[in-house]
Amino acid sequence: MPNRGHEFGNHLAARLRFPVSDSWLSAGGCLSSSFLFPNRVIDHTLKKLCEQRVTQLLEEIEKSYALVAGALGRVR
Protein backbone atom coordinates (compact mmCIF):
# COMPACT_ATOMS: atom_id res chain seq x y z
CA MET A 1 0.00 0.00 0.00
CA PRO A 2 1.43 3.39 -0.86
CA ASN A 3 2.32 5.63 2.07
CA ARG A 4 0.12 8.47 0.79
CA GLY A 5 1.76 10.90 3.20
CA HIS A 6 0.84 9.01 6.38
CA GLU A 7 3.50 8.57 9.04
CA PHE A 8 2.92 5.51 11.21
CA GLY A 9 6.14 5.70 13.25
CA ASN A 10 4.39 7.50 16.09
CA HIS A 11 1.88 4.67 16.37
CA LEU A 12 4.36 1.82 16.70
CA ALA A 13 3.33 -0.28 19.69
CA ALA A 14 5.56 -3.33 19.31
CA ARG A 15 7.99 -5.13 17.10
CA LEU A 16 7.69 -8.88 16.83
CA ARG A 17 10.34 -11.46 16.11
CA PHE A 18 9.35 -14.96 15.15
CA PRO A 19 11.33 -18.04 14.22
CA VAL A 20 11.40 -18.93 10.56
CA SER A 21 11.39 -22.66 9.93
CA ASP A 22 11.72 -24.57 6.67
CA SER A 23 8.18 -25.91 7.01
CA TRP A 24 6.79 -22.39 7.30
CA LEU A 25 8.64 -21.27 4.19
CA SER A 26 7.92 -24.37 2.13
CA ALA A 27 4.41 -23.20 1.27
CA GLY A 28 5.99 -21.34 -1.68
CA GLY A 29 4.91 -18.15 -3.42
CA CYS A 30 4.54 -15.28 -1.03
CA LEU A 31 6.04 -17.31 1.80
CA SER A 32 9.34 -18.02 0.08
CA SER A 33 12.37 -16.66 1.90
CA SER A 34 13.43 -14.61 -1.13
CA PHE A 35 10.02 -12.89 -1.18
CA LEU A 36 9.86 -12.20 2.56
CA PHE A 37 13.52 -11.34 2.97
CA PRO A 38 14.85 -9.87 -0.30
CA ASN A 39 18.57 -9.27 -0.57
CA ARG A 40 20.28 -5.88 -0.49
CA VAL A 41 20.38 -5.61 -4.27
CA ILE A 42 16.61 -5.12 -4.51
CA ASP A 43 15.76 -4.00 -0.95
CA HIS A 44 16.86 -0.36 -0.68
CA THR A 45 15.92 -0.09 3.01
CA LEU A 46 17.99 -3.15 3.92
CA LYS A 47 20.91 -1.75 1.94
CA LYS A 48 20.74 1.50 3.93
CA LEU A 49 20.36 -0.26 7.30
CA CYS A 50 23.43 -2.40 6.61
CA GLU A 51 25.65 0.63 6.07
CA GLN A 52 28.50 1.16 8.54
CA ARG A 53 27.19 4.59 9.55
CA VAL A 54 23.96 3.03 10.87
CA THR A 55 25.97 0.61 13.01
CA GLN A 56 28.10 3.50 14.28
CA LEU A 57 25.00 5.51 15.15
CA LEU A 58 23.55 2.58 17.11
CA GLU A 59 26.83 2.18 18.99
CA GLU A 60 26.89 5.90 19.85
CA ILE A 61 23.30 5.81 21.14
CA GLU A 62 23.98 2.69 23.22
CA LYS A 63 27.07 4.32 24.71
CA SER A 64 25.37 7.63 25.46
CA TYR A 65 22.49 5.89 27.27
CA ALA A 66 24.74 3.32 28.98
CA LEU A 67 23.05 0.43 27.19
CA VAL A 68 24.62 -2.98 26.73
CA ALA A 69 26.45 -3.25 23.41
CA GLY A 70 24.03 -4.64 20.84
CA ALA A 71 20.94 -3.74 22.89
CA LEU A 72 19.45 -1.89 19.92
CA GLY A 73 20.18 -4.79 17.60
CA ARG A 74 22.08 -4.89 14.35
CA VAL A 75 21.06 -5.53 10.77
CA ARG A 76 23.12 -8.21 9.08
PDB file of N, CA and C in Angstrom:
ATOM      1  N   MET A   1       0.844  -1.174   0.000  1.00  0.00           N
ATOM      2  CA  MET A   1       0.000   0.000   0.000  1.00  0.00           C
ATOM      3  C   MET A   1       0.890   1.239   0.000  1.00  0.00           C
ATOM      4  N   PRO A   2       0.633   2.160  -0.850  1.00  0.00           N
ATOM      5  CA  PRO A   2       1.434   3.391  -0.860  1.00  0.00           C
ATOM      6  C   PRO A   2       1.279   4.161   0.445  1.00  0.00           C
ATOM      7  N   ASN A   3       2.312   4.871   0.819  1.00  0.00           N
ATOM      8  CA  ASN A   3       2.318   5.632   2.067  1.00  0.00           C
ATOM      9  C   ASN A   3       1.266   6.727   2.070  1.00  0.00           C
ATOM     10  N   ARG A   4       1.098   7.388   0.954  1.00  0.00           N
ATOM     11  CA  ARG A   4       0.118   8.471   0.792  1.00  0.00           C
ATOM     12  C   ARG A   4       0.259   9.559   1.851  1.00  0.00           C
ATOM     13  N   GLY A   5       1.512   9.809   2.268  1.00  0.00           N
ATOM     14  CA  GLY A   5       1.759  10.896   3.204  1.00  0.00           C
ATOM     15  C   GLY A   5       1.488  10.583   4.659  1.00  0.00           C
ATOM     16  N   HIS A   6       1.115   9.368   4.983  1.00  0.00           N
ATOM     17  CA  HIS A   6       0.842   9.007   6.378  1.00  0.00           C
ATOM     18  C   HIS A   6       2.118   8.534   7.051  1.00  0.00           C
ATOM     19  N   GLU A   7       2.351   8.999   8.248  1.00  0.00           N
ATOM     20  CA  GLU A   7       3.499   8.574   9.035  1.00  0.00           C
ATOM     21  C   GLU A   7       2.993   7.704  10.174  1.00  0.00           C
ATOM     22  N   PHE A   8       3.411   6.444  10.197  1.00  0.00           N
ATOM     23  CA  PHE A   8       2.920   5.513  11.210  1.00  0.00           C
ATOM     24  C   PHE A   8       3.922   5.294  12.337  1.00  0.00           C
ATOM     25  N   GLY A   9       5.114   5.898  12.237  1.00  0.00           N
ATOM     26  CA  GLY A   9       6.145   5.696  13.253  1.00  0.00           C
ATOM     27  C   GLY A   9       5.696   6.073  14.653  1.00  0.00           C
ATOM     28  N   ASN A  10       4.871   7.079  14.770  1.00  0.00           N
ATOM     29  CA  ASN A  10       4.394   7.500  16.094  1.00  0.00           C
ATOM     30  C   ASN A  10       3.386   6.535  16.702  1.00  0.00           C
ATOM     31  N   HIS A  11       2.897   5.606  15.906  1.00  0.00           N
ATOM     32  CA  HIS A  11       1.876   4.671  16.374  1.00  0.00           C
ATOM     33  C   HIS A  11       2.425   3.272  16.605  1.00  0.00           C
ATOM     34  N   LEU A  12       3.745   3.124  16.522  1.00  0.00           N
ATOM     35  CA  LEU A  12       4.365   1.816  16.703  1.00  0.00           C
ATOM     36  C   LEU A  12       4.194   1.376  18.146  1.00  0.00           C
ATOM     37  N   ALA A  13       3.558   0.232  18.341  1.00  0.00           N
ATOM     38  CA  ALA A  13       3.325  -0.282  19.686  1.00  0.00           C
ATOM     39  C   ALA A  13       4.282  -1.416  20.030  1.00  0.00           C
ATOM     40  N   ALA A  14       4.694  -2.173  19.036  1.00  0.00           N
ATOM     41  CA  ALA A  14       5.562  -3.325  19.309  1.00  0.00           C
ATOM     42  C   ALA A  14       6.241  -3.773  18.027  1.00  0.00           C
ATOM     43  N   ARG A  15       7.317  -4.493  18.213  1.00  0.00           N
ATOM     44  CA  ARG A  15       7.993  -5.125  17.100  1.00  0.00           C
ATOM     45  C   ARG A  15       8.103  -6.606  17.465  1.00  0.00           C
ATOM     46  N   LEU A  16       7.707  -7.449  16.560  1.00  0.00           N
ATOM     47  CA  LEU A  16       7.691  -8.884  16.826  1.00  0.00           C
ATOM     48  C   LEU A  16       8.810  -9.595  16.093  1.00  0.00           C
ATOM     49  N   ARG A  17       9.386 -10.567  16.753  1.00  0.00           N
ATOM     50  CA  ARG A  17      10.338 -11.463  16.114  1.00  0.00           C
ATOM     51  C   ARG A  17       9.734 -12.856  16.191  1.00  0.00           C
ATOM     52  N   PHE A  18       9.869 -13.606  15.124  1.00  0.00           N
ATOM     53  CA  PHE A  18       9.352 -14.962  15.148  1.00  0.00           C
ATOM     54  C   PHE A  18      10.316 -15.867  14.417  1.00  0.00           C
ATOM     55  N   PRO A  19      10.408 -17.112  14.870  1.00  0.00           N
ATOM     56  CA  PRO A  19      11.329 -18.036  14.217  1.00  0.00           C
ATOM     57  C   PRO A  19      10.830 -18.396  12.818  1.00  0.00           C
ATOM     58  N   VAL A  20      11.751 -18.558  11.918  1.00  0.00           N
ATOM     59  CA  VAL A  20      11.399 -18.933  10.558  1.00  0.00           C
ATOM     60  C   VAL A  20      11.917 -20.348  10.337  1.00  0.00           C
ATOM     61  N   SER A  21      10.996 -21.275  10.139  1.00  0.00           N
ATOM     62  CA  SER A  21      11.386 -22.664   9.928  1.00  0.00           C
ATOM     63  C   SER A  21      11.188 -23.039   8.467  1.00  0.00           C
ATOM     64  N   ASP A  22      11.846 -24.106   8.053  1.00  0.00           N
ATOM     65  CA  ASP A  22      11.717 -24.574   6.674  1.00  0.00           C
ATOM     66  C   ASP A  22      10.274 -24.942   6.342  1.00  0.00           C
ATOM     67  N   SER A  23       9.556 -25.509   7.288  1.00  0.00           N
ATOM     68  CA  SER A  23       8.176 -25.911   7.013  1.00  0.00           C
ATOM     69  C   SER A  23       7.283 -24.694   6.783  1.00  0.00           C
ATOM     70  N   TRP A  24       7.564 -23.616   7.465  1.00  0.00           N
ATOM     71  CA  TRP A  24       6.786 -22.391   7.298  1.00  0.00           C
ATOM     72  C   TRP A  24       7.035 -21.787   5.929  1.00  0.00           C
ATOM     73  N   LEU A  25       8.283 -21.863   5.474  1.00  0.00           N
ATOM     74  CA  LEU A  25       8.641 -21.265   4.194  1.00  0.00           C
ATOM     75  C   LEU A  25       8.327 -22.157   2.998  1.00  0.00           C
ATOM     76  N   SER A  26       8.094 -23.436   3.238  1.00  0.00           N
ATOM     77  CA  SER A  26       7.921 -24.367   2.126  1.00  0.00           C
ATOM     78  C   SER A  26       6.581 -24.237   1.415  1.00  0.00           C
ATOM     79  N   ALA A  27       5.703 -23.384   1.915  1.00  0.00           N
ATOM     80  CA  ALA A  27       4.408 -23.198   1.268  1.00  0.00           C
ATOM     81  C   ALA A  27       4.560 -22.559  -0.110  1.00  0.00           C
ATOM     82  N   GLY A  28       5.707 -21.925  -0.367  1.00  0.00           N
ATOM     83  CA  GLY A  28       5.990 -21.341  -1.678  1.00  0.00           C
ATOM     84  C   GLY A  28       5.338 -19.992  -1.886  1.00  0.00           C
ATOM     85  N   GLY A  29       5.533 -19.435  -3.076  1.00  0.00           N
ATOM     86  CA  GLY A  29       4.912 -18.153  -3.425  1.00  0.00           C
ATOM     87  C   GLY A  29       5.299 -17.034  -2.495  1.00  0.00           C
ATOM     88  N   CYS A  30       4.306 -16.424  -1.898  1.00  0.00           N
ATOM     89  CA  CYS A  30       4.544 -15.278  -1.027  1.00  0.00           C
ATOM     90  C   CYS A  30       5.260 -15.642   0.267  1.00  0.00           C
ATOM     91  N   LEU A  31       5.355 -16.917   0.574  1.00  0.00           N
ATOM     92  CA  LEU A  31       6.040 -17.314   1.798  1.00  0.00           C
ATOM     93  C   LEU A  31       7.469 -17.773   1.543  1.00  0.00           C
ATOM     94  N   SER A  32       7.967 -17.621   0.336  1.00  0.00           N
ATOM     95  CA  SER A  32       9.341 -18.023   0.080  1.00  0.00           C
ATOM     96  C   SER A  32      10.285 -17.048   0.774  1.00  0.00           C
ATOM     97  N   SER A  33      11.435 -17.520   1.184  1.00  0.00           N
ATOM     98  CA  SER A  33      12.372 -16.661   1.904  1.00  0.00           C
ATOM     99  C   SER A  33      12.845 -15.498   1.035  1.00  0.00           C
ATOM    100  N   SER A  34      12.977 -15.711  -0.267  1.00  0.00           N
ATOM    101  CA  SER A  34      13.426 -14.615  -1.129  1.00  0.00           C
ATOM    102  C   SER A  34      12.358 -13.525  -1.273  1.00  0.00           C
ATOM    103  N   PHE A  35      11.092 -13.885  -1.125  1.00  0.00           N
ATOM    104  CA  PHE A  35      10.017 -12.885  -1.177  1.00  0.00           C
ATOM    105  C   PHE A  35       9.942 -12.111   0.141  1.00  0.00           C
ATOM    106  N   LEU A  36       9.985 -12.834   1.245  1.00  0.00           N
ATOM    107  CA  LEU A  36       9.864 -12.204   2.559  1.00  0.00           C
ATOM    108  C   LEU A  36      11.110 -11.435   2.967  1.00  0.00           C
ATOM    109  N   PHE A  37      12.260 -11.935   2.555  1.00  0.00           N
ATOM    110  CA  PHE A  37      13.521 -11.341   2.969  1.00  0.00           C
ATOM    111  C   PHE A  37      14.398 -11.094   1.741  1.00  0.00           C
ATOM    112  N   PRO A  38      14.057 -10.124   0.906  1.00  0.00           N
ATOM    113  CA  PRO A  38      14.846  -9.866  -0.302  1.00  0.00           C
ATOM    114  C   PRO A  38      16.258  -9.409   0.054  1.00  0.00           C
ATOM    115  N   ASN A  39      17.189  -9.652  -0.847  1.00  0.00           N
ATOM    116  CA  ASN A  39      18.568  -9.272  -0.568  1.00  0.00           C
ATOM    117  C   ASN A  39      18.779  -7.769  -0.779  1.00  0.00           C
ATOM    118  N   ARG A  40      19.970  -7.310  -0.444  1.00  0.00           N
ATOM    119  CA  ARG A  40      20.284  -5.883  -0.488  1.00  0.00           C
ATOM    120  C   ARG A  40      20.215  -5.290  -1.888  1.00  0.00           C
ATOM    121  N   VAL A  41      20.384  -6.113  -2.890  1.00  0.00           N
ATOM    122  CA  VAL A  41      20.383  -5.607  -4.265  1.00  0.00           C
ATOM    123  C   VAL A  41      19.031  -4.992  -4.617  1.00  0.00           C
ATOM    124  N   ILE A  42      17.946  -5.617  -4.163  1.00  0.00           N
ATOM    125  CA  ILE A  42      16.614  -5.121  -4.514  1.00  0.00           C
ATOM    126  C   ILE A  42      15.878  -4.467  -3.344  1.00  0.00           C
ATOM    127  N   ASP A  43      16.398  -4.598  -2.120  1.00  0.00           N
ATOM    128  CA  ASP A  43      15.758  -3.996  -0.951  1.00  0.00           C
ATOM    129  C   ASP A  43      16.571  -2.776  -0.513  1.00  0.00           C
ATOM    130  N   HIS A  44      16.130  -1.600  -0.948  1.00  0.00           N
ATOM    131  CA  HIS A  44      16.856  -0.364  -0.678  1.00  0.00           C
ATOM    132  C   HIS A  44      16.963  -0.081   0.825  1.00  0.00           C
ATOM    133  N   THR A  45      15.905  -0.332   1.570  1.00  0.00           N
ATOM    134  CA  THR A  45      15.925  -0.086   3.014  1.00  0.00           C
ATOM    135  C   THR A  45      16.960  -0.965   3.694  1.00  0.00           C
ATOM    136  N   LEU A  46      16.994  -2.237   3.339  1.00  0.00           N
ATOM    137  CA  LEU A  46      17.986  -3.146   3.921  1.00  0.00           C
ATOM    138  C   LEU A  46      19.398  -2.683   3.575  1.00  0.00           C
ATOM    139  N   LYS A  47      19.589  -2.245   2.357  1.00  0.00           N
ATOM    140  CA  LYS A  47      20.908  -1.751   1.940  1.00  0.00           C
ATOM    141  C   LYS A  47      21.333  -0.584   2.829  1.00  0.00           C
ATOM    142  N   LYS A  48      20.423   0.335   3.088  1.00  0.00           N
ATOM    143  CA  LYS A  48      20.736   1.495   3.928  1.00  0.00           C
ATOM    144  C   LYS A  48      21.001   1.086   5.378  1.00  0.00           C
ATOM    145  N   LEU A  49      20.193   0.166   5.906  1.00  0.00           N
ATOM    146  CA  LEU A  49      20.356  -0.265   7.297  1.00  0.00           C
ATOM    147  C   LEU A  49      21.648  -1.033   7.530  1.00  0.00           C
ATOM    148  N   CYS A  50      22.191  -1.622   6.490  1.00  0.00           N
ATOM    149  CA  CYS A  50      23.431  -2.396   6.611  1.00  0.00           C
ATOM    150  C   CYS A  50      24.678  -1.526   6.486  1.00  0.00           C
ATOM    151  N   GLU A  51      24.509  -0.249   6.217  1.00  0.00           N
ATOM    152  CA  GLU A  51      25.655   0.634   6.073  1.00  0.00           C
ATOM    153  C   GLU A  51      26.367   0.824   7.414  1.00  0.00           C
ATOM    154  N   GLN A  52      27.671   1.002   7.345  1.00  0.00           N
ATOM    155  CA  GLN A  52      28.501   1.160   8.541  1.00  0.00           C
ATOM    156  C   GLN A  52      28.047   2.338   9.399  1.00  0.00           C
ATOM    157  N   ARG A  53      27.579   3.408   8.766  1.00  0.00           N
ATOM    158  CA  ARG A  53      27.188   4.588   9.551  1.00  0.00           C
ATOM    159  C   ARG A  53      25.971   4.304  10.433  1.00  0.00           C
ATOM    160  N   VAL A  54      25.102   3.396  10.031  1.00  0.00           N
ATOM    161  CA  VAL A  54      23.958   3.028  10.868  1.00  0.00           C
ATOM    162  C   VAL A  54      24.455   2.276  12.096  1.00  0.00           C
ATOM    163  N   THR A  55      25.382   1.347  11.887  1.00  0.00           N
ATOM    164  CA  THR A  55      25.966   0.608  13.010  1.00  0.00           C
ATOM    165  C   THR A  55      26.669   1.567  13.963  1.00  0.00           C
ATOM    166  N   GLN A  56      27.413   2.517  13.432  1.00  0.00           N
ATOM    167  CA  GLN A  56      28.101   3.498  14.279  1.00  0.00           C
ATOM    168  C   GLN A  56      27.117   4.338  15.081  1.00  0.00           C
ATOM    169  N   LEU A  57      26.022   4.719  14.458  1.00  0.00           N
ATOM    170  CA  LEU A  57      24.998   5.509  15.155  1.00  0.00           C
ATOM    171  C   LEU A  57      24.392   4.693  16.300  1.00  0.00           C
ATOM    172  N   LEU A  58      24.089   3.433  16.050  1.00  0.00           N
ATOM    173  CA  LEU A  58      23.545   2.580  17.108  1.00  0.00           C
ATOM    174  C   LEU A  58      24.526   2.458  18.271  1.00  0.00           C
ATOM    175  N   GLU A  59      25.802   2.287  17.945  1.00  0.00           N
ATOM    176  CA  GLU A  59      26.825   2.180  18.985  1.00  0.00           C
ATOM    177  C   GLU A  59      26.918   3.469  19.803  1.00  0.00           C
ATOM    178  N   GLU A  60      26.841   4.613  19.152  1.00  0.00           N
ATOM    179  CA  GLU A  60      26.888   5.901  19.849  1.00  0.00           C
ATOM    180  C   GLU A  60      25.686   6.067  20.785  1.00  0.00           C
ATOM    181  N   ILE A  61      24.510   5.688  20.315  1.00  0.00           N
ATOM    182  CA  ILE A  61      23.301   5.806  21.140  1.00  0.00           C
ATOM    183  C   ILE A  61      23.393   4.872  22.348  1.00  0.00           C
ATOM    184  N   GLU A  62      23.831   3.635  22.107  1.00  0.00           N
ATOM    185  CA  GLU A  62      23.976   2.687  23.222  1.00  0.00           C
ATOM    186  C   GLU A  62      24.959   3.216  24.265  1.00  0.00           C
ATOM    187  N   LYS A  63      26.064   3.784  23.799  1.00  0.00           N
ATOM    188  CA  LYS A  63      27.070   4.315  24.711  1.00  0.00           C
ATOM    189  C   LYS A  63      26.528   5.509  25.483  1.00  0.00           C
ATOM    190  N   SER A  64      25.859   6.421  24.796  1.00  0.00           N
ATOM    191  CA  SER A  64      25.367   7.630  25.461  1.00  0.00           C
ATOM    192  C   SER A  64      24.276   7.349  26.495  1.00  0.00           C
ATOM    193  N   TYR A  65      23.538   6.253  26.323  1.00  0.00           N
ATOM    194  CA  TYR A  65      22.489   5.891  27.274  1.00  0.00           C
ATOM    195  C   TYR A  65      22.897   4.726  28.168  1.00  0.00           C
ATOM    196  N   ALA A  66      24.187   4.393  28.149  1.00  0.00           N
ATOM    197  CA  ALA A  66      24.744   3.315  28.977  1.00  0.00           C
ATOM    198  C   ALA A  66      24.001   1.989  28.773  1.00  0.00           C
ATOM    199  N   LEU A  67      23.702   1.696  27.524  1.00  0.00           N
ATOM    200  CA  LEU A  67      23.050   0.434  27.191  1.00  0.00           C
ATOM    201  C   LEU A  67      24.101  -0.629  26.902  1.00  0.00           C
ATOM    202  N   VAL A  68      23.732  -1.869  27.064  1.00  0.00           N
ATOM    203  CA  VAL A  68      24.617  -2.975  26.732  1.00  0.00           C
ATOM    204  C   VAL A  68      24.879  -2.949  25.233  1.00  0.00           C
ATOM    205  N   ALA A  69      26.111  -3.217  24.842  1.00  0.00           N
ATOM    206  CA  ALA A  69      26.451  -3.246  23.413  1.00  0.00           C
ATOM    207  C   ALA A  69      25.548  -4.234  22.684  1.00  0.00           C
ATOM    208  N   GLY A  70      24.933  -3.786  21.619  1.00  0.00           N
ATOM    209  CA  GLY A  70      24.028  -4.636  20.836  1.00  0.00           C
ATOM    210  C   GLY A  70      22.581  -4.594  21.312  1.00  0.00           C
ATOM    211  N   ALA A  71      22.302  -3.804  22.348  1.00  0.00           N
ATOM    212  CA  ALA A  71      20.937  -3.738  22.887  1.00  0.00           C
ATOM    213  C   ALA A  71      19.925  -3.262  21.856  1.00  0.00           C
ATOM    214  N   LEU A  72      20.355  -2.403  20.939  1.00  0.00           N
ATOM    215  CA  LEU A  72      19.448  -1.885  19.916  1.00  0.00           C
ATOM    216  C   LEU A  72      19.415  -2.772  18.688  1.00  0.00           C
ATOM    217  N   GLY A  73      20.168  -3.861  18.716  1.00  0.00           N
ATOM    218  CA  GLY A  73      20.179  -4.790  17.599  1.00  0.00           C
ATOM    219  C   GLY A  73      21.081  -4.322  16.478  1.00  0.00           C
ATOM    220  N   ARG A  74      21.279  -5.189  15.537  1.00  0.00           N
ATOM    221  CA  ARG A  74      22.080  -4.886  14.352  1.00  0.00           C
ATOM    222  C   ARG A  74      21.437  -5.562  13.153  1.00  0.00           C
ATOM    223  N   VAL A  75      21.554  -4.933  12.020  1.00  0.00           N
ATOM    224  CA  VAL A  75      21.061  -5.530  10.770  1.00  0.00           C
ATOM    225  C   VAL A  75      22.241  -6.207  10.108  1.00  0.00           C
ATOM    226  N   ARG A  76      22.052  -7.452   9.714  1.00  0.00           N
ATOM    227  CA  ARG A  76      23.121  -8.214   9.076  1.00  0.00           C
ATOM    228  C   ARG A  76      22.729  -8.555   7.671  1.00  0.00           C
TER     229      ARG A  76
END
